Amino acid sequence: MRIIIINGALRDHAASGNMGVIDSHAQRGFRALYNDHHGWLRGWLRKKLGNACDAADLAHDTYLRVLASGTTPQPDDSRRYLTQIANGLVIDLYRRRHIESAYLDTVRYLPEAEAPSPETRALVIEALCEIDAMLDRLPANARTALLLCKLDGLTYREIAAQLGVSVSSVEKYVAAALRACYAALYGSAS
């Protein structure tokens, strides 16, 4: 099932291509939220992003996040709630663009025979964004210790000196980070 928002109405777009209307008491509140604030949200995002297409996409994604949350804000809190979600999506957009730009700069000068295909580039960029999000969810000490160990090749002793903690703490940070990454990838850290 894929949910599509069309003029504030929720549609269930089945794999067969048939579209059915999704309706319930709770979703009437969602439709009211959409109808009352969609134009405002698109304008706010357009001003923030300077791009009508990105604004429309992020406005749509904002409402999908509201729908996925299963809650509708109180009427007097609607714009703050929508703004909070939309701001997170704007940050995600900028992070993705930064990651994409850095990756494309890295592969730009590869010989044509070694350059990744557009499909491979898209998959790598998606994977890099997922890794970035996974790392962002780690506690700061665990993230720093993991990156210093795995990317910079520092020993635990060197990391401990840099962070001003014991080697034992670094071992715990790296182990916790690896468990969290494993759980994010495979669903369980056991």
N, C-alpha and C. Protein backbone atom coordinates (compact mmCIF):
# COMPACT_ATOMS: atom_id res chain seq x y z
N MET A 1 0.85 -1.18 0.00
CA MET A 1 0.00 0.00 0.00
C MET A 1 0.89 1.23 0.00
N ARG A 2 0.54 2.21 -0.82
CA ARG A 2 1.25 3.48 -0.88
C ARG A 2 0.22 4.58 -0.72
N ILE A 3 0.47 5.48 0.23
CA ILE A 3 -0.46 6.57 0.49
C ILE A 3 -0.08 7.76 -0.38
N ILE A 4 -1.06 8.33 -1.03
CA ILE A 4 -0.85 9.52 -1.86
C ILE A 4 -1.81 10.59 -1.35
N ILE A 5 -1.33 11.82 -1.27
CA ILE A 5 -2.19 12.93 -0.86
C ILE A 5 -2.55 13.71 -2.12
N ILE A 6 -3.84 13.80 -2.40
CA ILE A 6 -4.32 14.56 -3.56
C ILE A 6 -5.33 15.56 -3.05
N ASN A 7 -4.97 16.84 -3.12
CA ASN A 7 -5.84 17.92 -2.66
C ASN A 7 -6.39 17.66 -1.27
N GLY A 8 -5.54 17.19 -0.39
CA GLY A 8 -5.92 16.99 0.99
C GLY A 8 -6.63 15.68 1.25
N ALA A 9 -6.98 14.93 0.21
CA ALA A 9 -7.63 13.64 0.39
C ALA A 9 -6.57 12.55 0.37
N LEU A 10 -6.71 11.61 1.27
CA LEU A 10 -5.76 10.50 1.32
C LEU A 10 -6.23 9.41 0.39
N ARG A 11 -5.32 8.92 -0.40
CA ARG A 11 -5.66 7.85 -1.33
C ARG A 11 -4.72 6.68 -1.09
N ASP A 12 -5.29 5.49 -1.10
CA ASP A 12 -4.51 4.26 -1.00
C ASP A 12 -4.26 3.81 -2.43
N HIS A 13 -3.01 3.93 -2.87
CA HIS A 13 -2.66 3.53 -4.23
C HIS A 13 -2.16 2.11 -4.18
N ALA A 14 -3.02 1.17 -4.48
CA ALA A 14 -2.66 -0.25 -4.42
C ALA A 14 -1.73 -0.59 -5.59
N ALA A 15 -1.02 -1.69 -5.44
CA ALA A 15 -0.10 -2.13 -6.49
C ALA A 15 -0.82 -2.33 -7.81
N SER A 16 -2.11 -2.62 -7.76
CA SER A 16 -2.88 -2.84 -8.98
C SER A 16 -3.18 -1.54 -9.71
N GLY A 17 -2.90 -0.41 -9.06
CA GLY A 17 -3.17 0.87 -9.70
C GLY A 17 -4.51 1.44 -9.30
N ASN A 18 -5.34 0.67 -8.60
CA ASN A 18 -6.63 1.18 -8.15
C ASN A 18 -6.42 2.13 -6.99
N MET A 19 -7.18 3.21 -6.97
CA MET A 19 -7.06 4.17 -5.88
C MET A 19 -8.36 4.17 -5.09
N GLY A 20 -8.23 3.94 -3.80
CA GLY A 20 -9.38 4.01 -2.92
C GLY A 20 -9.20 5.14 -1.93
N VAL A 21 -10.29 5.73 -1.49
CA VAL A 21 -10.21 6.81 -0.52
C VAL A 21 -10.08 6.21 0.88
N ILE A 22 -9.14 6.71 1.65
CA ILE A 22 -8.98 6.30 3.03
C ILE A 22 -9.73 7.31 3.86
N ASP A 23 -10.66 6.87 4.69
CA ASP A 23 -11.44 7.82 5.47
C ASP A 23 -11.70 7.28 6.86
N SER A 24 -11.55 8.13 7.83
CA SER A 24 -11.87 7.80 9.21
C SER A 24 -11.99 9.11 9.96
N HIS A 25 -12.44 9.02 11.18
CA HIS A 25 -12.58 10.22 12.00
C HIS A 25 -11.25 10.94 12.20
N ALA A 26 -10.22 10.19 12.50
CA ALA A 26 -8.89 10.78 12.72
C ALA A 26 -8.36 11.43 11.46
N GLN A 27 -8.67 10.84 10.32
CA GLN A 27 -8.14 11.39 9.08
C GLN A 27 -8.91 12.62 8.60
N ARG A 28 -10.10 12.84 9.15
CA ARG A 28 -10.78 14.11 8.88
C ARG A 28 -9.98 15.26 9.46
N GLY A 29 -9.38 15.01 10.64
CA GLY A 29 -8.51 16.01 11.25
C GLY A 29 -7.28 16.26 10.40
N PHE A 30 -6.76 15.19 9.82
CA PHE A 30 -5.61 15.34 8.92
C PHE A 30 -5.99 16.17 7.70
N ARG A 31 -7.13 15.88 7.11
CA ARG A 31 -7.57 16.64 5.93
C ARG A 31 -7.76 18.11 6.27
N ALA A 32 -8.32 18.38 7.45
CA ALA A 32 -8.49 19.78 7.87
C ALA A 32 -7.13 20.46 8.03
N LEU A 33 -6.18 19.75 8.62
CA LEU A 33 -4.82 20.29 8.78
C LEU A 33 -4.23 20.59 7.40
N TYR A 34 -4.38 19.67 6.48
CA TYR A 34 -3.85 19.84 5.12
C TYR A 34 -4.53 21.03 4.43
N ASN A 35 -5.84 21.05 4.45
CA ASN A 35 -6.57 22.12 3.76
C ASN A 35 -6.29 23.49 4.36
N ASP A 36 -6.15 23.56 5.67
CA ASP A 36 -5.94 24.85 6.34
C ASP A 36 -4.52 25.37 6.20
N HIS A 37 -3.54 24.49 6.04
CA HIS A 37 -2.15 24.93 6.15
C HIS A 37 -1.24 24.58 4.98
N HIS A 38 -1.72 23.80 4.03
CA HIS A 38 -0.85 23.36 2.95
C HIS A 38 -0.30 24.54 2.14
N GLY A 39 -1.14 25.47 1.76
CA GLY A 39 -0.67 26.64 1.00
C GLY A 39 0.35 27.45 1.77
N TRP A 40 0.06 27.66 3.06
CA TRP A 40 1.00 28.41 3.90
C TRP A 40 2.34 27.68 3.99
N LEU A 41 2.30 26.35 4.20
CA LEU A 41 3.53 25.58 4.36
C LEU A 41 4.36 25.61 3.07
N ARG A 42 3.72 25.46 1.93
CA ARG A 42 4.45 25.52 0.66
C ARG A 42 5.10 26.88 0.48
N GLY A 43 4.38 27.95 0.81
CA GLY A 43 4.95 29.30 0.71
C GLY A 43 6.11 29.49 1.65
N TRP A 44 5.98 29.01 2.87
CA TRP A 44 7.04 29.12 3.86
C TRP A 44 8.29 28.38 3.40
N LEU A 45 8.08 27.17 2.86
CA LEU A 45 9.21 26.38 2.36
C LEU A 45 9.82 27.02 1.10
N ARG A 46 8.98 27.56 0.24
CA ARG A 46 9.49 28.21 -0.97
C ARG A 46 10.39 29.38 -0.61
N LYS A 47 9.96 30.16 0.40
CA LYS A 47 10.78 31.29 0.84
C LYS A 47 12.09 30.79 1.46
N LYS A 48 12.01 29.73 2.22
CA LYS A 48 13.20 29.19 2.90
C LYS A 48 14.18 28.56 1.92
N LEU A 49 13.65 27.85 0.90
CA LEU A 49 14.49 27.11 -0.03
C LEU A 49 14.80 27.88 -1.32
N GLY A 50 13.95 28.84 -1.67
CA GLY A 50 14.13 29.56 -2.92
C GLY A 50 13.83 28.72 -4.14
N ASN A 51 13.02 27.69 -3.96
CA ASN A 51 12.76 26.75 -5.05
C ASN A 51 11.36 26.15 -4.86
N ALA A 52 10.47 26.43 -5.80
CA ALA A 52 9.09 25.97 -5.68
C ALA A 52 8.96 24.45 -5.75
N CYS A 53 9.78 23.80 -6.58
CA CYS A 53 9.69 22.34 -6.71
C CYS A 53 10.10 21.63 -5.42
N ASP A 54 11.24 22.04 -4.86
CA ASP A 54 11.66 21.45 -3.58
C ASP A 54 10.65 21.75 -2.49
N ALA A 55 10.09 22.96 -2.51
CA ALA A 55 9.09 23.33 -1.50
C ALA A 55 7.87 22.43 -1.59
N ALA A 56 7.41 22.17 -2.80
CA ALA A 56 6.24 21.29 -2.97
C ALA A 56 6.56 19.87 -2.49
N ASP A 57 7.75 19.38 -2.84
CA ASP A 57 8.14 18.03 -2.40
C ASP A 57 8.21 17.94 -0.88
N LEU A 58 8.85 18.93 -0.25
CA LEU A 58 9.00 18.87 1.20
C LEU A 58 7.68 19.10 1.92
N ALA A 59 6.80 19.92 1.35
CA ALA A 59 5.47 20.09 1.95
C ALA A 59 4.73 18.75 1.93
N HIS A 60 4.80 18.06 0.80
CA HIS A 60 4.16 16.75 0.69
C HIS A 60 4.76 15.77 1.70
N ASP A 61 6.09 15.75 1.78
CA ASP A 61 6.77 14.86 2.72
C ASP A 61 6.43 15.20 4.17
N THR A 62 6.23 16.48 4.46
CA THR A 62 5.84 16.90 5.81
C THR A 62 4.50 16.27 6.18
N TYR A 63 3.55 16.34 5.28
CA TYR A 63 2.24 15.77 5.57
C TYR A 63 2.30 14.24 5.65
N LEU A 64 3.17 13.63 4.86
CA LEU A 64 3.33 12.17 4.99
C LEU A 64 3.88 11.81 6.37
N ARG A 65 4.81 12.63 6.88
CA ARG A 65 5.35 12.38 8.23
C ARG A 65 4.25 12.55 9.28
N VAL A 66 3.41 13.56 9.11
CA VAL A 66 2.30 13.75 10.05
C VAL A 66 1.40 12.53 10.00
N LEU A 67 1.08 12.08 8.81
CA LEU A 67 0.22 10.91 8.65
C LEU A 67 0.85 9.68 9.29
N ALA A 68 2.14 9.49 9.06
CA ALA A 68 2.84 8.33 9.61
C ALA A 68 2.90 8.37 11.13
N SER A 69 2.92 9.58 11.70
CA SER A 69 2.99 9.70 13.16
C SER A 69 1.69 9.26 13.83
N GLY A 70 0.60 9.31 13.09
CA GLY A 70 -0.69 8.91 13.65
C GLY A 70 -1.32 9.95 14.56
N THR A 71 -0.71 11.13 14.65
CA THR A 71 -1.28 12.19 15.49
C THR A 71 -1.49 13.44 14.65
N THR A 72 -2.48 14.18 15.03
CA THR A 72 -2.75 15.47 14.41
C THR A 72 -2.64 16.51 15.52
N PRO A 73 -1.91 17.59 15.27
CA PRO A 73 -1.73 18.59 16.33
C PRO A 73 -3.02 19.33 16.64
N GLN A 74 -3.04 19.96 17.81
CA GLN A 74 -4.16 20.82 18.16
C GLN A 74 -4.19 21.98 17.16
N PRO A 75 -5.36 22.51 16.82
CA PRO A 75 -5.43 23.59 15.82
C PRO A 75 -4.54 24.79 16.12
N ASP A 76 -4.40 25.16 17.38
CA ASP A 76 -3.58 26.32 17.71
C ASP A 76 -2.08 26.02 17.68
N ASP A 77 -1.71 24.75 17.49
CA ASP A 77 -0.31 24.35 17.46
C ASP A 77 0.11 23.83 16.08
N SER A 78 -0.78 23.91 15.10
CA SER A 78 -0.56 23.29 13.80
C SER A 78 0.67 23.82 13.07
N ARG A 79 0.80 25.12 12.99
CA ARG A 79 1.93 25.67 12.22
C ARG A 79 3.27 25.39 12.88
N ARG A 80 3.32 25.45 14.20
CA ARG A 80 4.57 25.11 14.89
C ARG A 80 4.93 23.66 14.64
N TYR A 81 3.95 22.79 14.71
CA TYR A 81 4.16 21.35 14.49
C TYR A 81 4.65 21.10 13.06
N LEU A 82 3.97 21.69 12.08
CA LEU A 82 4.36 21.52 10.69
C LEU A 82 5.75 22.09 10.42
N THR A 83 6.03 23.25 11.02
CA THR A 83 7.34 23.89 10.85
C THR A 83 8.44 23.02 11.42
N GLN A 84 8.20 22.42 12.56
CA GLN A 84 9.21 21.55 13.18
C GLN A 84 9.53 20.37 12.27
N ILE A 85 8.53 19.74 11.73
CA ILE A 85 8.75 18.60 10.83
C ILE A 85 9.42 19.07 9.54
N ALA A 86 8.94 20.17 8.97
CA ALA A 86 9.50 20.67 7.72
C ALA A 86 10.96 21.10 7.90
N ASN A 87 11.29 21.70 9.03
CA ASN A 87 12.69 22.08 9.28
C ASN A 87 13.59 20.86 9.29
N GLY A 88 13.14 19.78 9.89
CA GLY A 88 13.92 18.54 9.88
C GLY A 88 14.13 18.03 8.47
N LEU A 89 13.10 18.13 7.64
CA LEU A 89 13.21 17.69 6.25
C LEU A 89 14.15 18.59 5.45
N VAL A 90 14.14 19.89 5.75
CA VAL A 90 15.06 20.82 5.08
C VAL A 90 16.50 20.45 5.44
N ILE A 91 16.74 20.18 6.71
CA ILE A 91 18.08 19.77 7.15
C ILE A 91 18.48 18.48 6.44
N ASP A 92 17.57 17.51 6.36
CA ASP A 92 17.86 16.26 5.65
C ASP A 92 18.19 16.52 4.18
N LEU A 93 17.46 17.42 3.54
CA LEU A 93 17.71 17.76 2.14
C LEU A 93 19.11 18.34 1.97
N TYR A 94 19.47 19.30 2.82
CA TYR A 94 20.79 19.91 2.72
C TYR A 94 21.90 18.91 3.02
N ARG A 95 21.68 18.04 3.99
CA ARG A 95 22.68 17.02 4.29
C ARG A 95 22.86 16.09 3.10
N ARG A 96 21.74 15.68 2.51
CA ARG A 96 21.81 14.79 1.35
C ARG A 96 22.57 15.47 0.21
N ARG A 97 22.26 16.71 -0.03
CA ARG A 97 22.94 17.43 -1.12
C ARG A 97 24.43 17.56 -0.83
N HIS A 98 24.80 17.79 0.42
CA HIS A 98 26.20 17.89 0.79
C HIS A 98 26.91 16.56 0.57
N ILE A 99 26.28 15.48 0.99
CA ILE A 99 26.85 14.14 0.80
C ILE A 99 26.98 13.83 -0.69
N GLU A 100 25.94 14.13 -1.44
CA GLU A 100 25.94 13.88 -2.88
C GLU A 100 27.05 14.67 -3.57
N SER A 101 27.19 15.92 -3.21
CA SER A 101 28.22 16.77 -3.79
C SER A 101 29.62 16.25 -3.47
N ALA A 102 29.84 15.87 -2.22
CA ALA A 102 31.15 15.35 -1.81
C ALA A 102 31.47 14.06 -2.56
N TYR A 103 30.49 13.19 -2.70
CA TYR A 103 30.73 11.93 -3.42
C TYR A 103 31.01 12.20 -4.90
N LEU A 104 30.21 13.05 -5.51
CA LEU A 104 30.41 13.34 -6.94
C LEU A 104 31.75 14.02 -7.18
N ASP A 105 32.20 14.86 -6.23
CA ASP A 105 33.54 15.46 -6.34
C ASP A 105 34.62 14.39 -6.28
N THR A 106 34.38 13.35 -5.50
CA THR A 106 35.35 12.27 -5.34
C THR A 106 35.47 11.45 -6.61
N VAL A 107 34.37 11.17 -7.29
CA VAL A 107 34.40 10.31 -8.48
C VAL A 107 34.54 11.09 -9.79
N ARG A 108 34.50 12.39 -9.71
CA ARG A 108 34.52 13.24 -10.91
C ARG A 108 35.74 12.97 -11.80
N TYR A 109 36.89 12.73 -11.22
CA TYR A 109 38.12 12.62 -12.00
C TYR A 109 38.54 11.18 -12.27
N LEU A 110 37.67 10.25 -11.99
CA LEU A 110 37.98 8.86 -12.32
C LEU A 110 37.97 8.68 -13.83
N PRO A 111 38.84 7.80 -14.33
CA PRO A 111 38.78 7.49 -15.77
C PRO A 111 37.39 6.93 -16.10
N GLU A 112 36.94 7.20 -17.29
CA GLU A 112 35.58 6.80 -17.69
C GLU A 112 35.31 5.32 -17.46
N ALA A 113 36.32 4.50 -17.71
CA ALA A 113 36.14 3.05 -17.54
C ALA A 113 35.92 2.67 -16.08
N GLU A 114 36.39 3.50 -15.14
CA GLU A 114 36.26 3.20 -13.71
C GLU A 114 35.12 3.97 -13.05
N ALA A 115 34.55 4.91 -13.76
CA ALA A 115 33.48 5.73 -13.19
C ALA A 115 32.23 4.89 -12.97
N PRO A 116 31.59 5.09 -11.82
CA PRO A 116 30.36 4.32 -11.56
C PRO A 116 29.23 4.78 -12.48
N SER A 117 28.35 3.85 -12.76
CA SER A 117 27.17 4.16 -13.58
C SER A 117 26.24 5.06 -12.78
N PRO A 118 25.30 5.73 -13.46
CA PRO A 118 24.33 6.55 -12.71
C PRO A 118 23.56 5.75 -11.66
N GLU A 119 23.24 4.50 -11.96
CA GLU A 119 22.53 3.66 -11.00
C GLU A 119 23.39 3.39 -9.78
N THR A 120 24.67 3.07 -10.02
CA THR A 120 25.59 2.82 -8.91
C THR A 120 25.79 4.08 -8.08
N ARG A 121 25.93 5.22 -8.76
CA ARG A 121 26.07 6.48 -8.02
C ARG A 121 24.87 6.71 -7.12
N ALA A 122 23.68 6.48 -7.63
CA ALA A 122 22.46 6.68 -6.83
C ALA A 122 22.44 5.75 -5.63
N LEU A 123 22.82 4.49 -5.83
CA LEU A 123 22.85 3.52 -4.72
C LEU A 123 23.89 3.90 -3.68
N VAL A 124 25.06 4.34 -4.13
CA VAL A 124 26.12 4.73 -3.19
C VAL A 124 25.69 5.96 -2.40
N ILE A 125 25.10 6.93 -3.06
CA ILE A 125 24.65 8.15 -2.37
C ILE A 125 23.59 7.79 -1.33
N GLU A 126 22.67 6.91 -1.69
CA GLU A 126 21.65 6.47 -0.74
C GLU A 126 22.28 5.78 0.46
N ALA A 127 23.24 4.91 0.20
CA ALA A 127 23.93 4.21 1.30
C ALA A 127 24.69 5.19 2.18
N LEU A 128 25.37 6.16 1.57
CA LEU A 128 26.09 7.17 2.34
C LEU A 128 25.15 7.98 3.22
N CYS A 129 23.98 8.31 2.70
CA CYS A 129 22.99 9.05 3.50
C CYS A 129 22.50 8.22 4.68
N GLU A 130 22.30 6.92 4.45
CA GLU A 130 21.88 6.03 5.54
C GLU A 130 22.97 5.91 6.60
N ILE A 131 24.21 5.81 6.16
CA ILE A 131 25.34 5.73 7.11
C ILE A 131 25.42 7.02 7.90
N ASP A 132 25.28 8.16 7.22
CA ASP A 132 25.32 9.46 7.90
C ASP A 132 24.23 9.55 8.96
N ALA A 133 23.02 9.12 8.62
CA ALA A 133 21.91 9.16 9.58
C ALA A 133 22.18 8.22 10.75
N MET A 134 22.74 7.05 10.45
CA MET A 134 23.05 6.09 11.50
C MET A 134 24.10 6.67 12.45
N LEU A 135 25.15 7.27 11.90
CA LEU A 135 26.20 7.87 12.72
C LEU A 135 25.64 9.04 13.54
N ASP A 136 24.73 9.78 12.96
CA ASP A 136 24.17 10.94 13.64
C ASP A 136 23.36 10.54 14.88
N ARG A 137 22.83 9.32 14.87
CA ARG A 137 22.04 8.85 16.02
C ARG A 137 22.91 8.36 17.17
N LEU A 138 24.20 8.18 16.92
CA LEU A 138 25.10 7.71 17.98
C LEU A 138 25.40 8.82 18.98
N PRO A 139 25.66 8.47 20.24
CA PRO A 139 26.15 9.48 21.18
C PRO A 139 27.46 10.06 20.66
N ALA A 140 27.72 11.32 20.97
CA ALA A 140 28.88 12.03 20.41
C ALA A 140 30.20 11.30 20.67
N ASN A 141 30.44 10.84 21.90
CA ASN A 141 31.70 10.16 22.21
C ASN A 141 31.85 8.86 21.41
N ALA A 142 30.77 8.12 21.28
CA ALA A 142 30.83 6.86 20.54
C ALA A 142 31.08 7.13 19.05
N ARG A 143 30.40 8.11 18.50
CA ARG A 143 30.59 8.47 17.09
C ARG A 143 32.03 8.91 16.83
N THR A 144 32.54 9.80 17.69
CA THR A 144 33.90 10.31 17.51
C THR A 144 34.92 9.19 17.62
N ALA A 145 34.77 8.34 18.63
CA ALA A 145 35.71 7.23 18.82
C ALA A 145 35.67 6.28 17.62
N LEU A 146 34.49 5.96 17.14
CA LEU A 146 34.37 5.06 16.00
C LEU A 146 35.03 5.65 14.76
N LEU A 147 34.76 6.91 14.47
CA LEU A 147 35.34 7.55 13.29
C LEU A 147 36.86 7.68 13.40
N LEU A 148 37.35 8.03 14.57
CA LEU A 148 38.80 8.13 14.76
C LEU A 148 39.46 6.76 14.58
N CYS A 149 38.80 5.73 15.03
CA CYS A 149 39.34 4.37 14.92
C CYS A 149 39.26 3.85 13.49
N LYS A 150 38.09 3.90 12.91
CA LYS A 150 37.86 3.25 11.61
C LYS A 150 38.29 4.10 10.41
N LEU A 151 38.12 5.42 10.49
CA LEU A 151 38.49 6.26 9.35
C LEU A 151 39.90 6.81 9.45
N ASP A 152 40.27 7.26 10.65
CA ASP A 152 41.59 7.87 10.82
C ASP A 152 42.65 6.86 11.21
N GLY A 153 42.23 5.65 11.59
CA GLY A 153 43.17 4.59 11.91
C GLY A 153 43.93 4.78 13.21
N LEU A 154 43.37 5.59 14.12
CA LEU A 154 44.04 5.81 15.40
C LEU A 154 43.86 4.59 16.30
N THR A 155 44.83 4.38 17.16
CA THR A 155 44.73 3.30 18.15
C THR A 155 43.82 3.78 19.28
N TYR A 156 43.36 2.83 20.09
CA TYR A 156 42.52 3.20 21.23
C TYR A 156 43.27 4.15 22.16
N ARG A 157 44.54 3.92 22.33
CA ARG A 157 45.35 4.78 23.21
C ARG A 157 45.39 6.21 22.66
N GLU A 158 45.58 6.34 21.34
CA GLU A 158 45.61 7.67 20.71
C GLU A 158 44.25 8.37 20.83
N ILE A 159 43.19 7.59 20.65
CA ILE A 159 41.84 8.15 20.77
C ILE A 159 41.59 8.60 22.21
N ALA A 160 42.00 7.78 23.15
CA ALA A 160 41.82 8.12 24.57
C ALA A 160 42.53 9.43 24.89
N ALA A 161 43.75 9.60 24.39
CA ALA A 161 44.50 10.83 24.64
C ALA A 161 43.79 12.03 24.00
N GLN A 162 43.27 11.84 22.80
CA GLN A 162 42.59 12.94 22.10
C GLN A 162 41.28 13.33 22.79
N LEU A 163 40.55 12.33 23.29
CA LEU A 163 39.26 12.61 23.94
C LEU A 163 39.41 12.92 25.43
N GLY A 164 40.57 12.63 25.99
CA GLY A 164 40.78 12.87 27.41
C GLY A 164 40.04 11.87 28.29
N VAL A 165 39.98 10.63 27.81
CA VAL A 165 39.31 9.56 28.57
C VAL A 165 40.24 8.37 28.65
N SER A 166 39.82 7.34 29.36
CA SER A 166 40.64 6.13 29.49
C SER A 166 40.51 5.26 28.24
N VAL A 167 41.47 4.38 28.06
CA VAL A 167 41.42 3.43 26.96
C VAL A 167 40.19 2.54 27.11
N SER A 168 39.87 2.18 28.35
CA SER A 168 38.69 1.36 28.61
C SER A 168 37.41 2.06 28.12
N SER A 169 37.35 3.38 28.34
CA SER A 169 36.18 4.13 27.86
C SER A 169 36.10 4.10 26.34
N VAL A 170 37.24 4.24 25.68
CA VAL A 170 37.26 4.19 24.21
C VAL A 170 36.79 2.83 23.73
N GLU A 171 37.24 1.77 24.36
CA GLU A 171 36.80 0.42 23.99
C GLU A 171 35.28 0.31 24.10
N LYS A 172 34.73 0.85 25.18
CA LYS A 172 33.27 0.81 25.38
C LYS A 172 32.55 1.66 24.34
N TYR A 173 33.10 2.85 24.03
CA TYR A 173 32.48 3.71 23.01
C TYR A 173 32.43 3.03 21.65
N VAL A 174 33.56 2.46 21.24
CA VAL A 174 33.62 1.82 19.93
C VAL A 174 32.71 0.60 19.89
N ALA A 175 32.71 -0.20 20.95
CA ALA A 175 31.84 -1.38 21.00
C ALA A 175 30.37 -0.96 20.94
N ALA A 176 30.01 0.07 21.69
CA ALA A 176 28.61 0.55 21.67
C ALA A 176 28.24 1.07 20.29
N ALA A 177 29.15 1.78 19.65
CA ALA A 177 28.88 2.31 18.31
C ALA A 177 28.69 1.18 17.31
N LEU A 178 29.55 0.18 17.38
CA LEU A 178 29.43 -0.95 16.46
C LEU A 178 28.14 -1.73 16.70
N ARG A 179 27.76 -1.91 17.97
CA ARG A 179 26.48 -2.58 18.26
C ARG A 179 25.32 -1.79 17.70
N ALA A 180 25.34 -0.47 17.86
CA ALA A 180 24.25 0.38 17.36
C ALA A 180 24.18 0.32 15.84
N CYS A 181 25.33 0.33 15.18
CA CYS A 181 25.34 0.23 13.72
C CYS A 181 24.82 -1.12 13.26
N TYR A 182 25.23 -2.17 13.93
CA TYR A 182 24.75 -3.51 13.60
C TYR A 182 23.23 -3.58 13.78
N ALA A 183 22.74 -3.04 14.89
CA ALA A 183 21.30 -3.06 15.15
C ALA A 183 20.55 -2.26 14.09
N ALA A 184 21.11 -1.14 13.67
CA ALA A 184 20.45 -0.34 12.64
C ALA A 184 20.40 -1.08 11.31
N LEU A 185 21.43 -1.83 11.01
CA LEU A 185 21.47 -2.57 9.75
C LEU A 185 20.66 -3.86 9.78
N TYR A 186 20.74 -4.58 10.91
CA TYR A 186 20.18 -5.93 10.95
C TYR A 186 19.03 -6.10 11.94
N GLY A 187 18.72 -5.06 12.70
CA GLY A 187 17.57 -5.12 13.58
C GLY A 187 17.84 -5.61 14.99
N SER A 188 19.00 -6.15 15.26
CA SER A 188 19.29 -6.63 16.60
C SER A 188 20.79 -6.58 16.84
N ALA A 189 21.16 -6.21 18.04
CA ALA A 189 22.58 -6.11 18.38
C ALA A 189 23.09 -7.35 19.10
N SER A 190 22.35 -8.44 19.09
CA SER A 190 22.77 -9.64 19.84
C SER A 190 23.73 -10.49 19.07
